[in-house]
Amino acid sequence: MPKILITDDDPYIRELVRKILKNGGFEVIEAIDGRDALEKIDGCDCAVVDIMMPRMDGYQLVEKLRKYYENLPVLFLTAKSGLPDKMKAFNLGADDYLIKPFEGDELLMRVKALLRRYKIEASQVIQIGKLTVDRNGFSVNGDTIPMKEFELLFKLAGFPGRTFSRDNLIEDIWGSDFDGNERTLDVHIGRLRERFPEEQYGFKITTVRGLGYKIEVTV
């Protein structure tokens, strides 16, 4: 049974989310703030995190989680609805963002989707549309492509539907000491789009305005 960590300083929200997730078949662990969450995160399969909390807020928590639990799915569940808040969340490594008040069915749907994406990412072979991306041989449908293009494709394809910020992609693919500019990322995205047209391969790389990029399956 997947174990979900809820981190929120509001006991009523924790109780509501706990009931929704338990009814959905999940085991639930509760934390009252970021510090409490760090003590309870081991063994959890997904984290549902509020932003505004005492001692350690959600941003600080996710920043620390990404250092030690790189692939743990994280869903922000928050009343903060502004684009700058979303941009900061995705830049820190959030996988999804849901605004309070929320529908229980939507929360459950998003958590299940995150867990499916995590299972894909954990694999060394990813099927996206009509494309097989194999990290063991660094090949795409049995052929090789330039390494940076491969790494970018594997990163995006590992989490279909997840928005990756431009900064996150640049740091992961080119490294934190990269001294180029964002145009390098755009050029590589353009090459992937040309190499794998949607009508032939059944997926597309979408630009998320103001945030970054995501890959979507269209077949």
N, C-alpha and C. Protein backbone atom coordinates (compact mmCIF):
# COMPACT_ATOMS: atom_id res chain seq x y z
N MET A 1 0.85 -1.20 0.00
CA MET A 1 0.00 0.00 0.00
C MET A 1 0.88 1.25 0.00
N PRO A 2 0.77 2.13 -0.99
CA PRO A 2 1.58 3.35 -1.03
C PRO A 2 1.35 4.22 0.21
N LYS A 3 2.43 4.84 0.66
CA LYS A 3 2.36 5.67 1.86
C LYS A 3 2.52 7.14 1.46
N ILE A 4 1.56 7.97 1.85
CA ILE A 4 1.55 9.38 1.49
C ILE A 4 1.78 10.24 2.74
N LEU A 5 2.69 11.19 2.65
CA LEU A 5 2.94 12.12 3.75
C LEU A 5 2.17 13.42 3.50
N ILE A 6 1.32 13.80 4.46
CA ILE A 6 0.61 15.07 4.41
C ILE A 6 1.32 16.05 5.34
N THR A 7 1.70 17.21 4.81
CA THR A 7 2.36 18.21 5.64
C THR A 7 1.55 19.50 5.60
N ASP A 8 0.90 19.82 6.71
CA ASP A 8 0.05 21.02 6.79
C ASP A 8 -0.12 21.36 8.27
N ASP A 9 -0.05 22.64 8.60
CA ASP A 9 -0.20 23.03 10.00
C ASP A 9 -1.66 23.14 10.43
N ASP A 10 -2.59 23.02 9.48
CA ASP A 10 -4.02 23.09 9.79
C ASP A 10 -4.55 21.67 10.03
N PRO A 11 -4.95 21.36 11.27
CA PRO A 11 -5.41 19.99 11.57
C PRO A 11 -6.66 19.60 10.80
N TYR A 12 -7.51 20.58 10.44
CA TYR A 12 -8.72 20.26 9.70
C TYR A 12 -8.40 19.85 8.27
N ILE A 13 -7.42 20.53 7.67
CA ILE A 13 -6.99 20.14 6.32
C ILE A 13 -6.34 18.76 6.36
N ARG A 14 -5.51 18.51 7.37
CA ARG A 14 -4.88 17.19 7.47
C ARG A 14 -5.92 16.09 7.60
N GLU A 15 -6.94 16.35 8.43
CA GLU A 15 -7.99 15.35 8.62
C GLU A 15 -8.75 15.09 7.31
N LEU A 16 -9.06 16.16 6.58
CA LEU A 16 -9.78 16.03 5.32
C LEU A 16 -8.97 15.24 4.30
N VAL A 17 -7.69 15.62 4.14
CA VAL A 17 -6.83 14.95 3.17
C VAL A 17 -6.60 13.50 3.58
N ARG A 18 -6.43 13.26 4.88
CA ARG A 18 -6.24 11.88 5.37
C ARG A 18 -7.43 11.00 4.99
N LYS A 19 -8.65 11.49 5.19
CA LYS A 19 -9.84 10.71 4.87
C LYS A 19 -9.94 10.43 3.38
N ILE A 20 -9.64 11.45 2.56
CA ILE A 20 -9.70 11.29 1.11
C ILE A 20 -8.72 10.22 0.64
N LEU A 21 -7.48 10.31 1.14
CA LEU A 21 -6.45 9.39 0.69
C LEU A 21 -6.66 7.98 1.24
N LYS A 22 -7.10 7.88 2.49
CA LYS A 22 -7.38 6.55 3.04
C LYS A 22 -8.52 5.87 2.29
N ASN A 23 -9.55 6.63 1.95
CA ASN A 23 -10.65 6.06 1.17
C ASN A 23 -10.19 5.64 -0.22
N GLY A 24 -9.10 6.27 -0.68
CA GLY A 24 -8.54 5.92 -1.97
C GLY A 24 -7.56 4.77 -1.92
N GLY A 25 -7.36 4.20 -0.74
CA GLY A 25 -6.52 3.03 -0.60
C GLY A 25 -5.08 3.29 -0.20
N PHE A 26 -4.80 4.50 0.33
CA PHE A 26 -3.43 4.84 0.70
C PHE A 26 -3.24 4.83 2.22
N GLU A 27 -2.02 4.53 2.63
CA GLU A 27 -1.61 4.73 4.01
C GLU A 27 -1.17 6.18 4.15
N VAL A 28 -1.50 6.80 5.28
CA VAL A 28 -1.25 8.23 5.43
C VAL A 28 -0.42 8.52 6.68
N ILE A 29 0.61 9.36 6.51
CA ILE A 29 1.41 9.87 7.61
C ILE A 29 1.21 11.38 7.67
N GLU A 30 1.10 11.95 8.87
CA GLU A 30 0.85 13.38 9.00
C GLU A 30 2.04 14.09 9.63
N ALA A 31 2.28 15.32 9.14
CA ALA A 31 3.32 16.18 9.71
C ALA A 31 2.76 17.59 9.83
N ILE A 32 3.16 18.30 10.89
CA ILE A 32 2.57 19.61 11.16
C ILE A 32 3.36 20.76 10.52
N ASP A 33 4.58 20.50 10.08
CA ASP A 33 5.38 21.52 9.39
C ASP A 33 6.55 20.82 8.71
N GLY A 34 7.41 21.62 8.06
CA GLY A 34 8.51 21.05 7.31
C GLY A 34 9.49 20.24 8.14
N ARG A 35 9.81 20.73 9.30
CA ARG A 35 10.76 20.00 10.16
C ARG A 35 10.20 18.65 10.57
N ASP A 36 8.93 18.64 10.93
CA ASP A 36 8.27 17.39 11.31
C ASP A 36 8.25 16.43 10.13
N ALA A 37 8.04 16.97 8.92
CA ALA A 37 7.99 16.14 7.72
C ALA A 37 9.33 15.46 7.46
N LEU A 38 10.42 16.18 7.64
CA LEU A 38 11.74 15.60 7.39
C LEU A 38 12.02 14.42 8.31
N GLU A 39 11.44 14.44 9.49
CA GLU A 39 11.63 13.33 10.43
C GLU A 39 10.78 12.12 10.08
N LYS A 40 9.74 12.32 9.24
CA LYS A 40 8.79 11.25 8.95
C LYS A 40 8.80 10.79 7.50
N ILE A 41 9.63 11.39 6.66
CA ILE A 41 9.56 11.17 5.22
C ILE A 41 10.07 9.80 4.79
N ASP A 42 11.00 9.20 5.54
CA ASP A 42 11.56 7.91 5.11
C ASP A 42 10.47 6.87 4.91
N GLY A 43 10.52 6.21 3.76
CA GLY A 43 9.55 5.17 3.46
C GLY A 43 8.29 5.66 2.79
N CYS A 44 8.14 6.97 2.64
CA CYS A 44 6.95 7.51 1.99
C CYS A 44 7.11 7.49 0.48
N ASP A 45 6.00 7.36 -0.23
CA ASP A 45 6.01 7.26 -1.68
C ASP A 45 5.62 8.56 -2.37
N CYS A 46 5.06 9.50 -1.61
CA CYS A 46 4.62 10.78 -2.18
C CYS A 46 4.41 11.75 -1.03
N ALA A 47 4.59 13.05 -1.30
CA ALA A 47 4.37 14.08 -0.28
C ALA A 47 3.37 15.11 -0.78
N VAL A 48 2.38 15.41 0.06
CA VAL A 48 1.42 16.47 -0.20
C VAL A 48 1.75 17.60 0.77
N VAL A 49 2.12 18.76 0.24
CA VAL A 49 2.77 19.79 1.06
C VAL A 49 2.07 21.14 0.94
N ASP A 50 1.77 21.75 2.08
CA ASP A 50 1.29 23.14 2.13
C ASP A 50 2.50 24.07 2.03
N ILE A 51 2.26 25.32 1.67
CA ILE A 51 3.37 26.29 1.60
C ILE A 51 3.52 27.04 2.91
N MET A 52 2.46 27.64 3.39
CA MET A 52 2.55 28.52 4.55
C MET A 52 2.46 27.71 5.84
N MET A 53 3.63 27.49 6.46
CA MET A 53 3.72 26.72 7.71
C MET A 53 4.78 27.34 8.60
N PRO A 54 4.65 27.19 9.93
CA PRO A 54 5.67 27.71 10.84
C PRO A 54 6.94 26.86 10.82
N ARG A 55 8.00 27.39 11.40
CA ARG A 55 9.30 26.74 11.54
C ARG A 55 9.98 26.47 10.20
N MET A 56 9.37 25.67 9.35
CA MET A 56 9.91 25.42 8.01
C MET A 56 8.74 25.35 7.04
N ASP A 57 8.68 26.29 6.07
CA ASP A 57 7.55 26.32 5.16
C ASP A 57 7.73 25.28 4.04
N GLY A 58 6.72 25.21 3.17
CA GLY A 58 6.73 24.20 2.12
C GLY A 58 7.85 24.37 1.13
N TYR A 59 8.19 25.61 0.79
CA TYR A 59 9.29 25.85 -0.14
C TYR A 59 10.61 25.30 0.43
N GLN A 60 10.86 25.63 1.68
CA GLN A 60 12.10 25.16 2.32
C GLN A 60 12.13 23.64 2.41
N LEU A 61 10.97 23.04 2.70
CA LEU A 61 10.89 21.59 2.80
C LEU A 61 11.22 20.93 1.46
N VAL A 62 10.61 21.40 0.39
CA VAL A 62 10.83 20.79 -0.92
C VAL A 62 12.28 20.99 -1.38
N GLU A 63 12.84 22.13 -1.06
CA GLU A 63 14.25 22.36 -1.40
C GLU A 63 15.14 21.31 -0.74
N LYS A 64 14.85 20.98 0.50
CA LYS A 64 15.64 19.95 1.19
C LYS A 64 15.32 18.55 0.66
N LEU A 65 14.06 18.30 0.37
CA LEU A 65 13.68 16.98 -0.15
C LEU A 65 14.38 16.70 -1.46
N ARG A 66 14.54 17.69 -2.31
CA ARG A 66 15.16 17.47 -3.61
C ARG A 66 16.65 17.17 -3.49
N LYS A 67 17.25 17.50 -2.36
CA LYS A 67 18.66 17.18 -2.16
C LYS A 67 18.86 15.73 -1.77
N TYR A 68 17.89 15.15 -1.07
CA TYR A 68 18.06 13.81 -0.51
C TYR A 68 17.06 12.79 -1.06
N TYR A 69 15.94 13.26 -1.61
CA TYR A 69 14.92 12.37 -2.17
C TYR A 69 14.55 12.90 -3.55
N GLU A 70 15.49 12.80 -4.47
CA GLU A 70 15.38 13.49 -5.76
C GLU A 70 14.12 13.11 -6.53
N ASN A 71 13.74 11.84 -6.47
CA ASN A 71 12.62 11.37 -7.29
C ASN A 71 11.30 11.24 -6.55
N LEU A 72 11.25 11.69 -5.30
CA LEU A 72 10.00 11.60 -4.54
C LEU A 72 8.95 12.55 -5.14
N PRO A 73 7.78 12.04 -5.53
CA PRO A 73 6.74 12.93 -6.07
C PRO A 73 6.24 13.90 -5.00
N VAL A 74 6.14 15.18 -5.38
CA VAL A 74 5.69 16.22 -4.45
C VAL A 74 4.55 17.01 -5.07
N LEU A 75 3.44 17.07 -4.35
CA LEU A 75 2.28 17.87 -4.75
C LEU A 75 2.10 19.01 -3.75
N PHE A 76 2.15 20.25 -4.22
CA PHE A 76 1.82 21.38 -3.37
C PHE A 76 0.30 21.51 -3.30
N LEU A 77 -0.23 21.60 -2.08
CA LEU A 77 -1.65 21.81 -1.84
C LEU A 77 -1.76 23.09 -1.02
N THR A 78 -2.14 24.19 -1.65
CA THR A 78 -1.98 25.49 -1.02
C THR A 78 -3.05 26.48 -1.46
N ALA A 79 -3.26 27.51 -0.64
CA ALA A 79 -4.18 28.59 -0.99
C ALA A 79 -3.51 29.65 -1.86
N LYS A 80 -2.20 29.57 -2.03
CA LYS A 80 -1.46 30.57 -2.82
C LYS A 80 -1.63 30.25 -4.30
N SER A 81 -2.32 31.14 -5.02
CA SER A 81 -2.73 30.85 -6.39
C SER A 81 -2.01 31.67 -7.45
N GLY A 82 -1.09 32.55 -7.03
CA GLY A 82 -0.43 33.43 -7.99
C GLY A 82 0.60 32.71 -8.84
N LEU A 83 0.83 33.21 -10.05
CA LEU A 83 1.83 32.62 -10.94
C LEU A 83 3.23 32.64 -10.33
N PRO A 84 3.65 33.71 -9.64
CA PRO A 84 4.98 33.69 -9.01
C PRO A 84 5.14 32.55 -8.00
N ASP A 85 4.06 32.24 -7.28
CA ASP A 85 4.11 31.13 -6.31
C ASP A 85 4.28 29.80 -7.04
N LYS A 86 3.56 29.63 -8.14
CA LYS A 86 3.68 28.40 -8.92
C LYS A 86 5.07 28.28 -9.53
N MET A 87 5.58 29.40 -10.05
CA MET A 87 6.92 29.38 -10.65
C MET A 87 7.97 28.98 -9.63
N LYS A 88 7.87 29.54 -8.42
CA LYS A 88 8.83 29.19 -7.38
C LYS A 88 8.72 27.71 -7.02
N ALA A 89 7.49 27.22 -6.93
CA ALA A 89 7.29 25.81 -6.58
C ALA A 89 7.92 24.89 -7.61
N PHE A 90 7.67 25.15 -8.90
CA PHE A 90 8.22 24.29 -9.94
C PHE A 90 9.73 24.45 -10.05
N ASN A 91 10.24 25.65 -9.82
CA ASN A 91 11.69 25.86 -9.84
C ASN A 91 12.38 25.05 -8.74
N LEU A 92 11.71 24.87 -7.62
CA LEU A 92 12.28 24.10 -6.51
C LEU A 92 12.15 22.60 -6.72
N GLY A 93 11.32 22.20 -7.71
CA GLY A 93 11.21 20.77 -8.01
C GLY A 93 9.86 20.15 -7.73
N ALA A 94 8.81 20.97 -7.57
CA ALA A 94 7.47 20.42 -7.38
C ALA A 94 7.03 19.65 -8.62
N ASP A 95 6.24 18.60 -8.42
CA ASP A 95 5.70 17.83 -9.54
C ASP A 95 4.31 18.30 -9.95
N ASP A 96 3.55 18.83 -8.98
CA ASP A 96 2.19 19.27 -9.29
C ASP A 96 1.79 20.33 -8.27
N TYR A 97 0.70 21.04 -8.57
CA TYR A 97 0.29 22.18 -7.76
C TYR A 97 -1.23 22.24 -7.78
N LEU A 98 -1.87 22.12 -6.60
CA LEU A 98 -3.33 22.14 -6.49
C LEU A 98 -3.72 23.23 -5.49
N ILE A 99 -4.69 24.04 -5.88
CA ILE A 99 -5.06 25.22 -5.08
C ILE A 99 -6.27 24.91 -4.19
N LYS A 100 -6.19 25.33 -2.93
CA LYS A 100 -7.31 25.24 -2.01
C LYS A 100 -8.30 26.37 -2.31
N PRO A 101 -9.62 26.15 -2.16
CA PRO A 101 -10.28 24.87 -1.86
C PRO A 101 -10.19 23.92 -3.06
N PHE A 102 -10.30 22.63 -2.79
CA PHE A 102 -10.09 21.63 -3.82
C PHE A 102 -11.15 20.55 -3.73
N GLU A 103 -11.30 19.81 -4.80
CA GLU A 103 -12.22 18.67 -4.83
C GLU A 103 -11.45 17.41 -4.43
N GLY A 104 -12.04 16.60 -3.58
CA GLY A 104 -11.37 15.39 -3.11
C GLY A 104 -11.00 14.45 -4.25
N ASP A 105 -11.90 14.31 -5.22
CA ASP A 105 -11.63 13.41 -6.34
C ASP A 105 -10.44 13.89 -7.16
N GLU A 106 -10.29 15.21 -7.29
CA GLU A 106 -9.15 15.73 -8.06
C GLU A 106 -7.84 15.49 -7.33
N LEU A 107 -7.84 15.67 -6.02
CA LEU A 107 -6.64 15.40 -5.24
C LEU A 107 -6.23 13.94 -5.39
N LEU A 108 -7.18 13.05 -5.26
CA LEU A 108 -6.91 11.62 -5.38
C LEU A 108 -6.38 11.29 -6.77
N MET A 109 -6.97 11.87 -7.79
CA MET A 109 -6.55 11.64 -9.17
C MET A 109 -5.11 12.10 -9.38
N ARG A 110 -4.77 13.25 -8.83
CA ARG A 110 -3.42 13.80 -9.03
C ARG A 110 -2.37 12.98 -8.29
N VAL A 111 -2.69 12.53 -7.09
CA VAL A 111 -1.74 11.70 -6.34
C VAL A 111 -1.50 10.39 -7.09
N LYS A 112 -2.54 9.78 -7.59
CA LYS A 112 -2.39 8.53 -8.34
C LYS A 112 -1.55 8.75 -9.60
N ALA A 113 -1.76 9.88 -10.28
CA ALA A 113 -0.99 10.19 -11.48
C ALA A 113 0.48 10.37 -11.15
N LEU A 114 0.78 11.03 -10.04
CA LEU A 114 2.17 11.23 -9.64
C LEU A 114 2.86 9.91 -9.35
N LEU A 115 2.16 9.01 -8.70
CA LEU A 115 2.74 7.71 -8.39
C LEU A 115 3.01 6.91 -9.67
N ARG A 116 2.12 7.04 -10.66
CA ARG A 116 2.36 6.36 -11.94
C ARG A 116 3.60 6.93 -12.62
N ARG A 117 3.75 8.26 -12.57
CA ARG A 117 4.92 8.89 -13.19
C ARG A 117 6.20 8.46 -12.50
N TYR A 118 6.13 8.34 -11.18
CA TYR A 118 7.33 7.94 -10.43
C TYR A 118 7.78 6.54 -10.84
N LYS A 119 6.82 5.64 -11.06
CA LYS A 119 7.17 4.29 -11.48
C LYS A 119 7.84 4.30 -12.84
N ILE A 120 7.38 5.19 -13.73
CA ILE A 120 8.00 5.32 -15.05
C ILE A 120 9.42 5.84 -14.91
N GLU A 121 9.61 6.86 -14.09
CA GLU A 121 10.93 7.46 -13.91
C GLU A 121 11.91 6.47 -13.31
N ALA A 122 11.42 5.60 -12.44
CA ALA A 122 12.31 4.63 -11.79
C ALA A 122 12.85 3.60 -12.78
N SER A 123 12.18 3.46 -13.91
CA SER A 123 12.62 2.51 -14.93
C SER A 123 13.74 3.10 -15.76
N GLN A 124 14.58 2.23 -16.31
CA GLN A 124 15.64 2.67 -17.22
C GLN A 124 15.16 2.64 -18.67
N VAL A 125 13.98 2.08 -18.89
CA VAL A 125 13.40 2.04 -20.24
C VAL A 125 12.02 2.69 -20.16
N ILE A 126 11.82 3.73 -20.95
CA ILE A 126 10.58 4.49 -20.92
C ILE A 126 9.89 4.39 -22.28
N GLN A 127 8.60 4.11 -22.23
CA GLN A 127 7.78 4.11 -23.45
C GLN A 127 6.94 5.38 -23.44
N ILE A 128 7.14 6.24 -24.44
CA ILE A 128 6.37 7.47 -24.53
C ILE A 128 5.80 7.55 -25.94
N GLY A 129 4.47 7.45 -26.06
CA GLY A 129 3.87 7.38 -27.38
C GLY A 129 4.37 6.15 -28.12
N LYS A 130 4.92 6.36 -29.30
CA LYS A 130 5.46 5.27 -30.11
C LYS A 130 6.98 5.23 -30.05
N LEU A 131 7.53 5.77 -28.95
CA LEU A 131 8.98 5.87 -28.80
C LEU A 131 9.43 5.09 -27.56
N THR A 132 10.50 4.32 -27.71
CA THR A 132 11.12 3.64 -26.58
C THR A 132 12.47 4.28 -26.29
N VAL A 133 12.59 4.83 -25.09
CA VAL A 133 13.82 5.52 -24.68
C VAL A 133 14.54 4.64 -23.67
N ASP A 134 15.70 4.14 -24.06
CA ASP A 134 16.43 3.14 -23.27
C ASP A 134 17.71 3.75 -22.72
N ARG A 135 17.73 3.94 -21.38
CA ARG A 135 18.90 4.56 -20.77
C ARG A 135 20.06 3.57 -20.65
N ASN A 136 19.76 2.28 -20.69
CA ASN A 136 20.83 1.29 -20.61
C ASN A 136 21.78 1.43 -21.80
N GLY A 137 21.21 1.61 -22.98
CA GLY A 137 22.04 1.74 -24.18
C GLY A 137 22.05 3.15 -24.74
N PHE A 138 21.44 4.08 -24.01
CA PHE A 138 21.32 5.47 -24.46
C PHE A 138 20.82 5.53 -25.89
N SER A 139 19.72 4.80 -26.13
CA SER A 139 19.17 4.72 -27.47
C SER A 139 17.69 5.08 -27.48
N VAL A 140 17.22 5.50 -28.64
CA VAL A 140 15.83 5.86 -28.84
C VAL A 140 15.32 5.05 -30.04
N ASN A 141 14.39 4.13 -29.77
CA ASN A 141 13.95 3.17 -30.81
C ASN A 141 15.13 2.48 -31.46
N GLY A 142 16.14 2.19 -30.65
CA GLY A 142 17.30 1.45 -31.11
C GLY A 142 18.39 2.30 -31.74
N ASP A 143 18.12 3.58 -31.94
CA ASP A 143 19.11 4.47 -32.56
C ASP A 143 19.68 5.44 -31.52
N THR A 144 20.86 5.95 -31.78
CA THR A 144 21.46 6.94 -30.89
C THR A 144 21.17 8.35 -31.39
N ILE A 145 21.06 9.27 -30.45
CA ILE A 145 20.92 10.68 -30.76
C ILE A 145 21.94 11.43 -29.90
N PRO A 146 22.22 12.70 -30.19
CA PRO A 146 23.17 13.45 -29.37
C PRO A 146 22.84 13.34 -27.87
N MET A 147 23.87 13.21 -27.04
CA MET A 147 23.68 12.89 -25.62
C MET A 147 22.81 13.91 -24.89
N LYS A 148 23.01 15.20 -25.11
CA LYS A 148 22.21 16.19 -24.40
C LYS A 148 20.74 16.10 -24.81
N GLU A 149 20.49 15.81 -26.08
CA GLU A 149 19.11 15.62 -26.51
C GLU A 149 18.52 14.40 -25.84
N PHE A 150 19.31 13.32 -25.74
CA PHE A 150 18.83 12.10 -25.09
C PHE A 150 18.48 12.39 -23.62
N GLU A 151 19.38 13.04 -22.90
CA GLU A 151 19.15 13.31 -21.48
C GLU A 151 17.92 14.19 -21.28
N LEU A 152 17.74 15.16 -22.15
CA LEU A 152 16.57 16.05 -22.06
C LEU A 152 15.29 15.28 -22.33
N LEU A 153 15.30 14.43 -23.36
CA LEU A 153 14.14 13.62 -23.69
C LEU A 153 13.81 12.65 -22.56
N PHE A 154 14.81 11.99 -22.00
CA PHE A 154 14.60 11.03 -20.92
C PHE A 154 14.02 11.73 -19.69
N LYS A 155 14.53 12.92 -19.40
CA LYS A 155 14.04 13.69 -18.25
C LYS A 155 12.56 14.02 -18.41
N LEU A 156 12.19 14.54 -19.57
CA LEU A 156 10.80 14.93 -19.80
C LEU A 156 9.88 13.71 -19.88
N ALA A 157 10.34 12.68 -20.59
CA ALA A 157 9.51 11.49 -20.80
C ALA A 157 9.30 10.70 -19.51
N GLY A 158 10.20 10.85 -18.54
CA GLY A 158 10.07 10.14 -17.28
C GLY A 158 8.87 10.58 -16.47
N PHE A 159 8.37 11.79 -16.73
CA PHE A 159 7.23 12.32 -16.00
C PHE A 159 6.24 12.95 -16.99
N PRO A 160 5.51 12.15 -17.76
CA PRO A 160 4.54 12.73 -18.71
C PRO A 160 3.55 13.64 -18.00
N GLY A 161 3.39 14.84 -18.52
CA GLY A 161 2.45 15.79 -17.93
C GLY A 161 3.04 16.70 -16.89
N ARG A 162 4.24 16.39 -16.41
CA ARG A 162 4.86 17.25 -15.39
C ARG A 162 5.56 18.43 -16.04
N THR A 163 5.35 19.61 -15.49
CA THR A 163 6.02 20.81 -15.98
C THR A 163 7.38 20.95 -15.30
N PHE A 164 8.43 21.02 -16.12
CA PHE A 164 9.78 21.28 -15.61
C PHE A 164 10.15 22.72 -15.91
N SER A 165 10.61 23.43 -14.90
CA SER A 165 11.02 24.81 -15.13
C SER A 165 12.28 24.84 -15.99
N ARG A 166 12.51 25.95 -16.64
CA ARG A 166 13.70 26.10 -17.48
C ARG A 166 14.96 25.95 -16.64
N ASP A 167 14.97 26.57 -15.47
CA ASP A 167 16.15 26.50 -14.59
C ASP A 167 16.43 25.07 -14.17
N ASN A 168 15.37 24.33 -13.86
CA ASN A 168 15.52 22.95 -13.43
C ASN A 168 16.12 22.10 -14.54
N LEU A 169 15.64 22.27 -15.76
CA LEU A 169 16.16 21.50 -16.89
C LEU A 169 17.62 21.84 -17.19
N ILE A 170 17.93 23.12 -17.18
CA ILE A 170 19.31 23.54 -17.46
C ILE A 170 20.26 22.98 -16.41
N GLU A 171 19.86 23.06 -15.15
CA GLU A 171 20.74 22.56 -14.09
C GLU A 171 20.92 21.05 -14.18
N ASP A 172 19.84 20.32 -14.45
CA ASP A 172 19.91 18.86 -14.49
C ASP A 172 20.68 18.36 -15.71
N ILE A 173 20.52 19.00 -16.85
CA ILE A 173 21.12 18.52 -18.08
C ILE A 173 22.52 19.09 -18.30
N TRP A 174 22.70 20.36 -18.01
CA TRP A 174 24.00 21.00 -18.28
C TRP A 174 24.82 21.27 -17.02
N GLY A 175 24.21 21.16 -15.84
CA GLY A 175 24.94 21.35 -14.60
C GLY A 175 24.79 22.75 -14.05
N SER A 176 24.98 22.88 -12.73
CA SER A 176 24.78 24.16 -12.05
C SER A 176 25.83 25.20 -12.44
N ASP A 177 26.96 24.76 -13.00
CA ASP A 177 28.01 25.68 -13.39
C ASP A 177 27.95 26.05 -14.87
N PHE A 178 26.84 25.74 -15.53
CA PHE A 178 26.66 26.05 -16.95
C PHE A 178 26.74 27.55 -17.16
N ASP A 179 27.60 27.98 -18.08
CA ASP A 179 27.78 29.42 -18.29
C ASP A 179 27.17 29.90 -19.60
N GLY A 180 26.31 29.07 -20.23
CA GLY A 180 25.62 29.48 -21.44
C GLY A 180 24.36 30.26 -21.10
N ASN A 181 23.37 30.22 -22.00
CA ASN A 181 22.12 30.93 -21.74
C ASN A 181 20.93 30.02 -22.04
N GLU A 182 19.73 30.52 -21.75
CA GLU A 182 18.53 29.72 -21.91
C GLU A 182 18.27 29.33 -23.36
N ARG A 183 18.85 30.06 -24.30
CA ARG A 183 18.66 29.75 -25.71
C ARG A 183 19.16 28.34 -26.03
N THR A 184 20.17 27.88 -25.31
CA THR A 184 20.68 26.53 -25.52
C THR A 184 19.58 25.49 -25.29
N LEU A 185 18.81 25.67 -24.22
CA LEU A 185 17.69 24.77 -23.94
C LEU A 185 16.66 24.82 -25.06
N ASP A 186 16.31 26.03 -25.50
CA ASP A 186 15.31 26.17 -26.55
C ASP A 186 15.75 25.48 -27.84
N VAL A 187 17.03 25.58 -28.17
CA VAL A 187 17.55 24.95 -29.38
C VAL A 187 17.40 23.43 -29.30
N HIS A 188 17.74 22.86 -28.14
CA HIS A 188 17.63 21.41 -27.97
C HIS A 188 16.18 20.94 -28.00
N ILE A 189 15.28 21.73 -27.41
CA ILE A 189 13.85 21.41 -27.47
C ILE A 189 13.39 21.43 -28.93
N GLY A 190 13.82 22.43 -29.67
CA GLY A 190 13.46 22.52 -31.08
C GLY A 190 13.95 21.33 -31.88
N ARG A 191 15.16 20.87 -31.59
CA ARG A 191 15.70 19.71 -32.30
C ARG A 191 14.91 18.45 -32.00
N LEU A 192 14.51 18.28 -30.73
CA LEU A 192 13.70 17.12 -30.38
C LEU A 192 12.35 17.16 -31.08
N ARG A 193 11.74 18.32 -31.16
CA ARG A 193 10.45 18.45 -31.84
C ARG A 193 10.58 18.10 -33.33
N GLU A 194 11.68 18.54 -33.94
CA GLU A 194 11.90 18.22 -35.35
C GLU A 194 12.19 16.74 -35.54
N ARG A 195 12.94 16.18 -34.63
CA ARG A 195 13.35 14.78 -34.75
C ARG A 195 12.18 13.82 -34.52
N PHE A 196 11.27 14.20 -33.61
CA PHE A 196 10.15 13.32 -33.24
C PHE A 196 8.83 14.06 -33.40
N PRO A 197 8.36 14.24 -34.65
CA PRO A 197 7.10 14.96 -34.87
C PRO A 197 5.92 14.24 -34.23
N GLU A 198 5.00 15.03 -33.69
CA GLU A 198 3.86 14.48 -32.94
C GLU A 198 3.04 13.50 -33.74
N GLU A 199 2.77 13.81 -35.01
CA GLU A 199 1.90 12.95 -35.81
C GLU A 199 2.52 11.58 -36.08
N GLN A 200 3.83 11.48 -35.96
CA GLN A 200 4.50 10.20 -36.21
C GLN A 200 4.73 9.41 -34.93
N TYR A 201 5.02 10.12 -33.81
CA TYR A 201 5.44 9.42 -32.59
C TYR A 201 4.42 9.49 -31.45
N GLY A 202 3.36 10.27 -31.59
CA GLY A 202 2.29 10.22 -30.61
C GLY A 202 2.55 10.95 -29.30
N PHE A 203 3.45 11.91 -29.32
CA PHE A 203 3.64 12.76 -28.15
C PHE A 203 4.13 14.12 -28.62
N LYS A 204 4.04 15.11 -27.74
CA LYS A 204 4.53 16.44 -28.08
C LYS A 204 5.18 17.08 -26.86
N ILE A 205 6.14 17.94 -27.12
CA ILE A 205 6.78 18.73 -26.06
C ILE A 205 6.11 20.10 -26.06
N THR A 206 5.45 20.41 -24.97
CA THR A 206 4.63 21.62 -24.87
C THR A 206 5.37 22.70 -24.08
N THR A 207 5.31 23.92 -24.57
CA THR A 207 5.83 25.07 -23.83
C THR A 207 4.77 25.55 -22.85
N VAL A 208 5.10 25.60 -21.58
CA VAL A 208 4.19 26.12 -20.56
C VAL A 208 4.61 27.56 -20.28
N ARG A 209 3.84 28.47 -20.76
CA ARG A 209 4.21 29.88 -20.75
C ARG A 209 4.56 30.37 -19.34
N GLY A 210 5.72 30.98 -19.22
CA GLY A 210 6.17 31.52 -17.94
C GLY A 210 6.76 30.51 -17.00
N LEU A 211 6.72 29.21 -17.36
CA LEU A 211 7.22 28.17 -16.46
C LEU A 211 8.33 27.33 -17.10
N GLY A 212 8.01 26.63 -18.19
CA GLY A 212 9.04 25.77 -18.77
C GLY A 212 8.44 24.85 -19.83
N TYR A 213 8.74 23.55 -19.71
CA TYR A 213 8.30 22.59 -20.71
C TYR A 213 7.72 21.33 -20.05
N LYS A 214 6.87 20.64 -20.81
CA LYS A 214 6.38 19.32 -20.38
C LYS A 214 6.15 18.47 -21.62
N ILE A 215 6.10 17.17 -21.43
CA ILE A 215 5.84 16.25 -22.53
C ILE A 215 4.45 15.66 -22.34
N GLU A 216 3.69 15.56 -23.42
CA GLU A 216 2.32 15.05 -23.35
C GLU A 216 2.12 13.96 -24.39
N VAL A 217 1.50 12.87 -23.99
CA VAL A 217 1.16 11.78 -24.91
C VAL A 217 -0.13 12.14 -25.62
N THR A 218 -0.17 11.94 -26.93
CA THR A 218 -1.33 12.35 -27.73
C THR A 218 -2.00 11.19 -28.45
N VAL A 219 -1.55 9.95 -28.19
CA VAL A 219 -2.20 8.78 -28.82
C VAL A 219 -2.90 7.97 -27.75
